[in-house]
Amino acid sequence: MTESKIQSQAVRWFTNNYCLKHHNPRCVIFAVPNEATQNMPWAQLMKFKATGLLAGVSDTVVLLPGKTLFVEFKTPTGTQSKSQKEFQKRVEALGFLYCIVRSVEDFKKLIKKQIL
């Protein structure tokens, strides 16, 4: 399964279980699509960098009651880039949780553990 497939299934599961209007509290998950900039023209890329684009940012950010999680999706054999490792260090130094998730089941376990 690809990283994007794992991520899309995890986001769908999380949204259906924690983000709908009837959920209280209503949690939030959002993607940071940095890979969309890979083939972008230089001038447009510079505009994005000027407005806060940061290499290595996690694939998603999950907002739970009193907690912020930075979640990077990888295949079972996928590895982090240098910029992803640097972002992880910065996030953890600020006291946030950064997680590498390799399957939808891993993501579900992570969320259920953090919700308790």
N, C-alpha and C. Protein backbone atom coordinates (compact mmCIF):
# COMPACT_ATOMS: atom_id res chain seq x y z
N MET A 1 0.84 -1.18 0.00
CA MET A 1 0.00 0.00 0.00
C MET A 1 0.89 1.25 0.00
N THR A 2 0.53 2.27 -0.75
CA THR A 2 1.33 3.49 -0.83
C THR A 2 1.10 4.38 0.39
N GLU A 3 2.02 5.32 0.60
CA GLU A 3 1.87 6.27 1.71
C GLU A 3 0.57 7.06 1.57
N SER A 4 0.28 7.51 0.37
CA SER A 4 -0.94 8.31 0.18
C SER A 4 -2.20 7.50 0.44
N LYS A 5 -2.18 6.22 0.11
CA LYS A 5 -3.34 5.35 0.38
C LYS A 5 -3.52 5.15 1.89
N ILE A 6 -2.42 4.90 2.60
CA ILE A 6 -2.49 4.77 4.06
C ILE A 6 -3.04 6.05 4.65
N GLN A 7 -2.50 7.18 4.20
CA GLN A 7 -2.93 8.47 4.73
C GLN A 7 -4.41 8.73 4.45
N SER A 8 -4.85 8.51 3.23
CA SER A 8 -6.25 8.80 2.89
C SER A 8 -7.21 7.93 3.67
N GLN A 9 -6.88 6.66 3.87
CA GLN A 9 -7.74 5.78 4.66
C GLN A 9 -7.75 6.19 6.13
N ALA A 10 -6.60 6.60 6.64
CA ALA A 10 -6.51 7.04 8.04
C ALA A 10 -7.31 8.32 8.25
N VAL A 11 -7.19 9.25 7.32
CA VAL A 11 -7.92 10.51 7.43
C VAL A 11 -9.43 10.25 7.38
N ARG A 12 -9.87 9.40 6.48
CA ARG A 12 -11.30 9.07 6.38
C ARG A 12 -11.80 8.45 7.68
N TRP A 13 -11.05 7.49 8.22
CA TRP A 13 -11.44 6.85 9.49
C TRP A 13 -11.51 7.89 10.61
N PHE A 14 -10.49 8.73 10.73
CA PHE A 14 -10.45 9.73 11.80
C PHE A 14 -11.61 10.72 11.66
N THR A 15 -11.83 11.19 10.44
CA THR A 15 -12.92 12.14 10.21
C THR A 15 -14.27 11.54 10.59
N ASN A 16 -14.52 10.31 10.18
CA ASN A 16 -15.80 9.66 10.48
C ASN A 16 -15.99 9.37 11.96
N ASN A 17 -14.91 9.22 12.70
CA ASN A 17 -15.01 8.86 14.11
C ASN A 17 -14.82 10.01 15.09
N TYR A 18 -14.23 11.12 14.64
CA TYR A 18 -13.90 12.20 15.58
C TYR A 18 -14.16 13.61 15.07
N CYS A 19 -14.52 13.80 13.81
CA CYS A 19 -14.57 15.16 13.25
C CYS A 19 -15.94 15.60 12.74
N LEU A 20 -16.95 14.78 12.87
CA LEU A 20 -18.26 15.15 12.34
C LEU A 20 -18.98 16.09 13.31
N LYS A 21 -20.00 16.77 12.80
CA LYS A 21 -20.69 17.79 13.59
C LYS A 21 -21.24 17.28 14.91
N HIS A 22 -21.62 16.01 14.98
CA HIS A 22 -22.20 15.48 16.21
C HIS A 22 -21.15 15.04 17.24
N HIS A 23 -19.87 15.02 16.84
CA HIS A 23 -18.82 14.63 17.79
C HIS A 23 -18.55 15.79 18.75
N ASN A 24 -18.40 15.45 20.01
CA ASN A 24 -18.11 16.47 21.02
C ASN A 24 -17.05 15.94 21.97
N PRO A 25 -15.86 16.49 21.96
CA PRO A 25 -15.45 17.61 21.11
C PRO A 25 -15.22 17.17 19.67
N ARG A 26 -15.28 18.12 18.80
CA ARG A 26 -15.08 17.85 17.36
C ARG A 26 -13.60 18.07 17.04
N CYS A 27 -12.88 16.99 16.77
CA CYS A 27 -11.44 17.06 16.53
C CYS A 27 -11.15 17.55 15.10
N VAL A 28 -9.87 17.75 14.83
CA VAL A 28 -9.45 18.29 13.53
C VAL A 28 -8.25 17.49 13.02
N ILE A 29 -8.26 17.21 11.73
CA ILE A 29 -7.10 16.65 11.06
C ILE A 29 -6.94 17.39 9.74
N PHE A 30 -5.71 17.77 9.42
CA PHE A 30 -5.49 18.41 8.14
C PHE A 30 -4.14 18.02 7.58
N ALA A 31 -4.06 18.06 6.24
CA ALA A 31 -2.85 17.66 5.53
C ALA A 31 -1.98 18.87 5.24
N VAL A 32 -0.69 18.61 5.13
CA VAL A 32 0.28 19.62 4.70
C VAL A 32 0.91 19.06 3.41
N PRO A 33 0.36 19.41 2.27
CA PRO A 33 0.78 18.78 1.01
C PRO A 33 2.07 19.36 0.42
N ASN A 34 3.17 19.25 1.14
CA ASN A 34 4.45 19.77 0.66
C ASN A 34 4.89 19.14 -0.66
N GLU A 35 4.54 17.87 -0.90
CA GLU A 35 4.99 17.20 -2.12
C GLU A 35 4.39 17.85 -3.36
N ALA A 36 3.33 18.61 -3.21
CA ALA A 36 2.72 19.29 -4.36
C ALA A 36 3.65 20.34 -4.94
N THR A 37 4.65 20.76 -4.19
CA THR A 37 5.57 21.80 -4.66
C THR A 37 6.76 21.24 -5.42
N GLN A 38 6.90 19.93 -5.51
CA GLN A 38 8.09 19.33 -6.10
C GLN A 38 8.34 19.73 -7.56
N ASN A 39 7.32 19.86 -8.35
CA ASN A 39 7.49 20.21 -9.76
C ASN A 39 7.00 21.63 -10.07
N MET A 40 6.91 22.44 -9.03
CA MET A 40 6.39 23.78 -9.16
C MET A 40 7.45 24.72 -9.77
N PRO A 41 7.03 25.66 -10.61
CA PRO A 41 7.98 26.64 -11.13
C PRO A 41 8.66 27.41 -9.99
N TRP A 42 9.91 27.78 -10.20
CA TRP A 42 10.72 28.41 -9.17
C TRP A 42 10.04 29.64 -8.56
N ALA A 43 9.48 30.52 -9.38
CA ALA A 43 8.86 31.75 -8.88
C ALA A 43 7.68 31.44 -7.95
N GLN A 44 6.89 30.46 -8.33
CA GLN A 44 5.74 30.08 -7.49
C GLN A 44 6.22 29.43 -6.19
N LEU A 45 7.27 28.61 -6.27
CA LEU A 45 7.84 27.99 -5.08
C LEU A 45 8.34 29.06 -4.11
N MET A 46 8.99 30.09 -4.61
CA MET A 46 9.49 31.16 -3.76
C MET A 46 8.34 31.89 -3.06
N LYS A 47 7.22 32.04 -3.76
CA LYS A 47 6.04 32.66 -3.15
C LYS A 47 5.55 31.81 -1.98
N PHE A 48 5.48 30.50 -2.18
CA PHE A 48 5.05 29.61 -1.11
C PHE A 48 6.02 29.65 0.06
N LYS A 49 7.32 29.67 -0.22
CA LYS A 49 8.31 29.74 0.86
C LYS A 49 8.17 31.04 1.64
N ALA A 50 7.89 32.13 0.94
CA ALA A 50 7.73 33.42 1.59
C ALA A 50 6.51 33.46 2.50
N THR A 51 5.53 32.60 2.21
CA THR A 51 4.32 32.57 3.03
C THR A 51 4.30 31.42 4.03
N GLY A 52 5.46 30.76 4.24
CA GLY A 52 5.55 29.78 5.31
C GLY A 52 5.79 28.33 4.94
N LEU A 53 5.97 28.03 3.68
CA LEU A 53 6.28 26.65 3.30
C LEU A 53 7.54 26.21 4.01
N LEU A 54 7.52 25.03 4.60
CA LEU A 54 8.66 24.52 5.35
C LEU A 54 8.91 23.07 4.94
N ALA A 55 10.09 22.80 4.44
CA ALA A 55 10.45 21.43 4.04
C ALA A 55 10.44 20.52 5.26
N GLY A 56 9.97 19.31 5.07
CA GLY A 56 10.01 18.31 6.12
C GLY A 56 8.81 18.25 7.03
N VAL A 57 7.87 19.17 6.87
CA VAL A 57 6.68 19.17 7.74
C VAL A 57 5.93 17.86 7.59
N SER A 58 5.37 17.39 8.69
CA SER A 58 4.65 16.12 8.68
C SER A 58 3.49 16.15 7.69
N ASP A 59 3.07 14.96 7.26
CA ASP A 59 1.97 14.84 6.29
C ASP A 59 0.67 15.41 6.82
N THR A 60 0.41 15.18 8.10
CA THR A 60 -0.82 15.68 8.70
C THR A 60 -0.55 16.23 10.09
N VAL A 61 -1.48 17.07 10.51
CA VAL A 61 -1.51 17.57 11.88
C VAL A 61 -2.87 17.16 12.44
N VAL A 62 -2.86 16.58 13.63
CA VAL A 62 -4.08 16.11 14.27
C VAL A 62 -4.27 16.89 15.56
N LEU A 63 -5.45 17.51 15.71
CA LEU A 63 -5.77 18.27 16.91
C LEU A 63 -6.79 17.49 17.72
N LEU A 64 -6.36 17.10 18.91
CA LEU A 64 -7.20 16.37 19.86
C LEU A 64 -7.41 17.27 21.07
N PRO A 65 -8.32 16.94 21.95
CA PRO A 65 -8.49 17.77 23.14
C PRO A 65 -7.17 17.92 23.91
N GLY A 66 -6.62 19.11 23.92
CA GLY A 66 -5.39 19.40 24.67
C GLY A 66 -4.12 18.84 24.07
N LYS A 67 -4.17 18.29 22.86
CA LYS A 67 -2.99 17.66 22.26
C LYS A 67 -2.89 18.00 20.78
N THR A 68 -1.67 18.16 20.32
CA THR A 68 -1.39 18.32 18.90
C THR A 68 -0.41 17.24 18.49
N LEU A 69 -0.78 16.47 17.48
CA LEU A 69 0.07 15.39 16.98
C LEU A 69 0.51 15.72 15.56
N PHE A 70 1.78 15.49 15.29
CA PHE A 70 2.31 15.62 13.94
C PHE A 70 2.54 14.21 13.43
N VAL A 71 1.84 13.82 12.36
CA VAL A 71 1.85 12.45 11.89
C VAL A 71 2.43 12.37 10.48
N GLU A 72 3.47 11.56 10.36
CA GLU A 72 4.11 11.28 9.07
C GLU A 72 3.74 9.87 8.66
N PHE A 73 3.18 9.72 7.47
CA PHE A 73 2.80 8.41 6.96
C PHE A 73 3.92 7.84 6.09
N LYS A 74 4.28 6.60 6.35
CA LYS A 74 5.31 5.90 5.59
C LYS A 74 4.84 4.48 5.32
N THR A 75 5.33 3.91 4.24
CA THR A 75 5.11 2.49 3.99
C THR A 75 5.93 1.71 5.01
N PRO A 76 5.73 0.41 5.12
CA PRO A 76 6.53 -0.37 6.07
C PRO A 76 8.04 -0.25 5.86
N THR A 77 8.47 0.06 4.65
CA THR A 77 9.91 0.18 4.39
C THR A 77 10.35 1.62 4.13
N GLY A 78 9.42 2.58 4.20
CA GLY A 78 9.74 3.97 3.91
C GLY A 78 10.62 4.59 4.98
N THR A 79 11.45 5.55 4.57
CA THR A 79 12.34 6.24 5.51
C THR A 79 12.13 7.74 5.42
N GLN A 80 12.48 8.42 6.49
CA GLN A 80 12.37 9.87 6.54
C GLN A 80 13.51 10.53 5.77
N SER A 81 13.21 11.67 5.18
CA SER A 81 14.24 12.49 4.56
C SER A 81 14.98 13.27 5.65
N LYS A 82 16.07 13.87 5.29
CA LYS A 82 16.85 14.68 6.24
C LYS A 82 15.99 15.82 6.80
N SER A 83 15.23 16.48 5.93
CA SER A 83 14.39 17.60 6.40
C SER A 83 13.26 17.10 7.31
N GLN A 84 12.74 15.91 7.08
CA GLN A 84 11.70 15.35 7.96
C GLN A 84 12.28 15.04 9.34
N LYS A 85 13.48 14.52 9.38
CA LYS A 85 14.14 14.24 10.66
C LYS A 85 14.39 15.53 11.43
N GLU A 86 14.80 16.57 10.73
CA GLU A 86 15.03 17.87 11.36
C GLU A 86 13.74 18.44 11.90
N PHE A 87 12.65 18.35 11.13
CA PHE A 87 11.36 18.83 11.60
C PHE A 87 10.92 18.06 12.84
N GLN A 88 11.10 16.75 12.84
CA GLN A 88 10.76 15.93 14.00
C GLN A 88 11.50 16.41 15.24
N LYS A 89 12.80 16.67 15.11
CA LYS A 89 13.59 17.15 16.25
C LYS A 89 13.05 18.47 16.78
N ARG A 90 12.71 19.38 15.89
CA ARG A 90 12.21 20.69 16.30
C ARG A 90 10.87 20.56 17.02
N VAL A 91 9.97 19.75 16.48
CA VAL A 91 8.65 19.55 17.06
C VAL A 91 8.76 18.92 18.46
N GLU A 92 9.57 17.88 18.55
CA GLU A 92 9.72 17.19 19.84
C GLU A 92 10.41 18.08 20.88
N ALA A 93 11.33 18.92 20.45
CA ALA A 93 11.99 19.85 21.38
C ALA A 93 10.99 20.86 21.96
N LEU A 94 9.91 21.10 21.24
CA LEU A 94 8.87 22.00 21.72
C LEU A 94 7.81 21.27 22.56
N GLY A 95 7.99 19.96 22.73
CA GLY A 95 7.08 19.19 23.57
C GLY A 95 5.90 18.56 22.87
N PHE A 96 5.91 18.57 21.54
CA PHE A 96 4.81 17.96 20.79
C PHE A 96 5.14 16.52 20.43
N LEU A 97 4.11 15.78 20.11
CA LEU A 97 4.26 14.38 19.73
C LEU A 97 4.35 14.28 18.21
N TYR A 98 5.41 13.62 17.73
CA TYR A 98 5.63 13.36 16.32
C TYR A 98 5.62 11.85 16.15
N CYS A 99 4.80 11.37 15.23
CA CYS A 99 4.67 9.92 15.05
C CYS A 99 4.82 9.53 13.59
N ILE A 100 5.53 8.44 13.38
CA ILE A 100 5.60 7.84 12.06
C ILE A 100 4.62 6.67 12.07
N VAL A 101 3.68 6.71 11.13
CA VAL A 101 2.63 5.70 11.05
C VAL A 101 2.83 4.91 9.76
N ARG A 102 2.80 3.58 9.87
CA ARG A 102 3.07 2.73 8.71
C ARG A 102 1.86 1.92 8.24
N SER A 103 0.73 2.08 8.91
CA SER A 103 -0.50 1.40 8.49
C SER A 103 -1.69 2.12 9.10
N VAL A 104 -2.87 1.85 8.55
CA VAL A 104 -4.09 2.44 9.10
C VAL A 104 -4.30 1.92 10.52
N GLU A 105 -4.01 0.65 10.75
CA GLU A 105 -4.17 0.09 12.10
C GLU A 105 -3.25 0.78 13.11
N ASP A 106 -2.02 1.08 12.70
CA ASP A 106 -1.11 1.83 13.58
C ASP A 106 -1.69 3.20 13.92
N PHE A 107 -2.28 3.85 12.92
CA PHE A 107 -2.88 5.17 13.14
C PHE A 107 -4.05 5.07 14.12
N LYS A 108 -4.91 4.08 13.94
CA LYS A 108 -6.05 3.90 14.84
C LYS A 108 -5.58 3.68 16.27
N LYS A 109 -4.56 2.84 16.46
CA LYS A 109 -4.01 2.58 17.80
C LYS A 109 -3.46 3.86 18.42
N LEU A 110 -2.73 4.63 17.61
CA LEU A 110 -2.17 5.89 18.09
C LEU A 110 -3.26 6.83 18.58
N ILE A 111 -4.29 7.02 17.78
CA ILE A 111 -5.36 7.95 18.14
C ILE A 111 -6.11 7.45 19.37
N LYS A 112 -6.46 6.19 19.41
CA LYS A 112 -7.20 5.66 20.56
C LYS A 112 -6.38 5.79 21.84
N LYS A 113 -5.07 5.62 21.77
CA LYS A 113 -4.20 5.79 22.93
C LYS A 113 -4.16 7.25 23.39
N GLN A 114 -4.14 8.18 22.44
CA GLN A 114 -4.06 9.59 22.77
C GLN A 114 -5.39 10.17 23.27
N ILE A 115 -6.50 9.59 22.83
CA ILE A 115 -7.82 10.07 23.21
C ILE A 115 -8.13 9.73 24.67
N LEU A 116 -7.60 8.61 25.15
CA LEU A 116 -7.89 8.16 26.52
C LEU A 116 -7.43 9.14 27.56
